[in-house]
Protein backbone atom coordinates (compact mmCIF):
# COMPACT_ATOMS: atom_id res chain seq x y z
CA MET A 1 89.36 52.97 71.11
CA SER A 2 86.83 52.78 73.94
CA ILE A 3 89.59 51.78 76.38
CA ILE A 4 91.54 54.95 75.59
CA ILE A 5 88.47 57.13 76.02
CA GLN A 6 87.62 55.34 79.26
CA ASN A 7 91.13 55.95 80.67
CA ILE A 8 91.00 59.63 79.74
CA ASN A 9 87.68 60.09 81.54
CA GLN A 10 88.83 58.40 84.77
CA PRO A 11 90.12 60.91 87.34
CA ASP A 12 93.72 60.54 88.35
CA GLN A 13 93.72 59.05 91.87
CA GLN A 14 96.93 60.77 92.92
CA GLN A 15 95.62 64.15 91.75
CA ASN A 16 92.43 63.58 93.74
CA LEU A 17 94.44 62.75 96.86
CA LYS A 18 96.60 65.84 96.33
CA GLN A 19 93.41 67.93 96.03
CA PHE A 20 92.15 66.35 99.25
CA ASN A 21 95.36 67.40 101.00
CA LEU A 22 95.05 70.91 99.61
CA ILE A 23 91.52 71.14 101.00
CA SER A 24 92.57 69.87 104.41
CA TYR A 25 95.43 72.41 104.60
CA GLY A 26 92.89 75.07 103.66
CA LEU A 27 90.54 73.94 106.42
CA TYR A 28 93.33 74.22 108.98
CA PHE A 29 94.09 77.77 107.81
CA ALA A 30 90.37 78.64 107.77
CA SER A 31 90.03 77.52 111.38
CA TYR A 32 91.72 80.74 112.48
CA VAL A 33 88.82 82.67 110.98
CA LEU A 34 85.91 80.22 111.16
CA GLY A 35 86.88 78.27 114.28
CA ILE A 36 85.53 74.77 113.75
CA THR A 37 87.02 73.77 110.38
CA TRP A 38 90.02 72.18 112.11
CA LEU A 39 87.66 69.43 113.25
CA ALA A 40 86.62 68.63 109.67
CA ALA A 41 90.27 68.63 108.59
CA ILE A 42 91.44 66.16 111.25
CA ILE A 43 88.52 63.85 110.51
CA MET A 44 89.37 63.98 106.80
CA ASN A 45 93.00 63.13 107.59
CA TYR A 46 92.04 60.05 109.57
CA VAL A 47 89.50 58.93 106.95
CA LYS A 48 92.02 59.16 104.08
CA ARG A 49 95.03 57.91 106.05
CA ASP A 50 94.92 54.34 104.70
CA GLU A 51 94.19 55.49 101.15
CA VAL A 52 97.38 57.58 100.93
CA ARG A 53 99.59 54.96 102.60
CA GLY A 54 102.61 54.18 100.45
CA THR A 55 102.42 57.40 98.41
CA TRP A 56 104.34 60.64 98.79
CA LEU A 57 101.08 62.16 100.06
CA GLU A 58 101.18 59.95 103.16
CA SER A 59 103.79 62.27 104.65
CA HIS A 60 101.38 65.20 104.31
CA VAL A 61 98.55 63.43 106.10
CA GLU A 62 100.89 62.35 108.92
CA TRP A 63 102.34 65.89 109.04
CA GLN A 64 98.87 67.39 109.39
CA ILE A 65 97.81 64.90 112.07
CA LYS A 66 100.96 65.55 114.12
CA THR A 67 100.56 69.31 113.65
CA PHE A 68 96.95 69.13 114.82
CA TRP A 69 97.63 67.17 118.01
CA LEU A 70 100.74 69.10 119.06
CA SER A 71 99.03 72.42 118.32
CA LEU A 72 95.97 71.37 120.30
CA ALA A 73 98.20 70.47 123.25
CA GLY A 74 100.05 73.78 122.97
CA TYR A 75 96.83 75.79 122.81
CA MET A 76 95.38 73.91 125.79
CA VAL A 77 98.50 74.48 127.91
CA GLY A 78 98.59 78.10 126.81
CA PHE A 79 94.93 78.65 127.62
CA ILE A 80 95.22 76.99 131.03
CA THR A 81 98.28 79.06 131.96
CA THR A 82 96.99 82.46 130.77
CA PHE A 83 96.11 83.37 134.34
CA ILE A 84 99.84 83.46 135.17
CA LEU A 85 100.54 85.35 131.92
CA ILE A 86 103.03 82.77 130.56
CA GLY A 87 100.08 81.30 128.71
CA PHE A 88 100.02 84.22 126.30
CA VAL A 89 103.61 83.46 125.30
CA ILE A 90 102.77 79.77 124.90
CA LEU A 91 99.74 80.65 122.75
CA LEU A 92 101.86 82.92 120.54
CA ILE A 93 104.61 80.31 120.14
CA THR A 94 102.04 77.63 119.34
CA PHE A 95 100.40 79.88 116.75
CA ILE A 96 103.72 80.64 115.04
CA TRP A 97 104.75 76.97 115.10
CA ASN A 98 101.36 75.92 113.69
CA MET A 99 101.51 78.50 110.89
CA TYR A 100 105.07 77.46 110.06
CA ARG A 101 104.10 73.81 109.72
CA LEU A 102 101.01 74.58 107.64
CA ILE A 103 102.92 76.89 105.29
CA VAL A 104 105.87 74.50 104.88
CA GLY A 105 103.48 71.61 104.25
CA LEU A 106 101.46 73.57 101.72
CA ILE A 107 104.59 74.63 99.84
CA ALA A 108 105.83 71.04 99.69
CA LEU A 109 102.41 69.87 98.48
CA THR A 110 102.31 72.42 95.66
CA GLU A 111 105.82 71.33 94.65
CA ASN A 112 104.65 67.67 94.55
CA ARG A 113 107.13 66.49 97.16
CA PRO A 114 106.78 64.74 100.52
CA ILE A 115 107.17 66.59 103.79
CA GLY A 116 108.85 65.52 106.97
């Protein structure tokens, strides 16, 4: 009897990892309003990377890491080239691409399926 009660009280590891991914997606979205939350999200992704390895949630962590680095590169190139005006187009394209990846990833996460 105590074993059953003990198992009921233990949190489901996969649900905790899914919640972690939900929070990190939220931090990426919040970075457009708050600015610095993207840094917390990328750190969280790297910290939990080994823990999600081998699960369907691994694809979400890898997706978020790739999205972060490619978006950062796009924003940097866009910012550097704003003086020749093409940078504004690059910034807009990067923003749209980033939003697309975050939304697609979040939808897949809520549907309990891998992304990629």
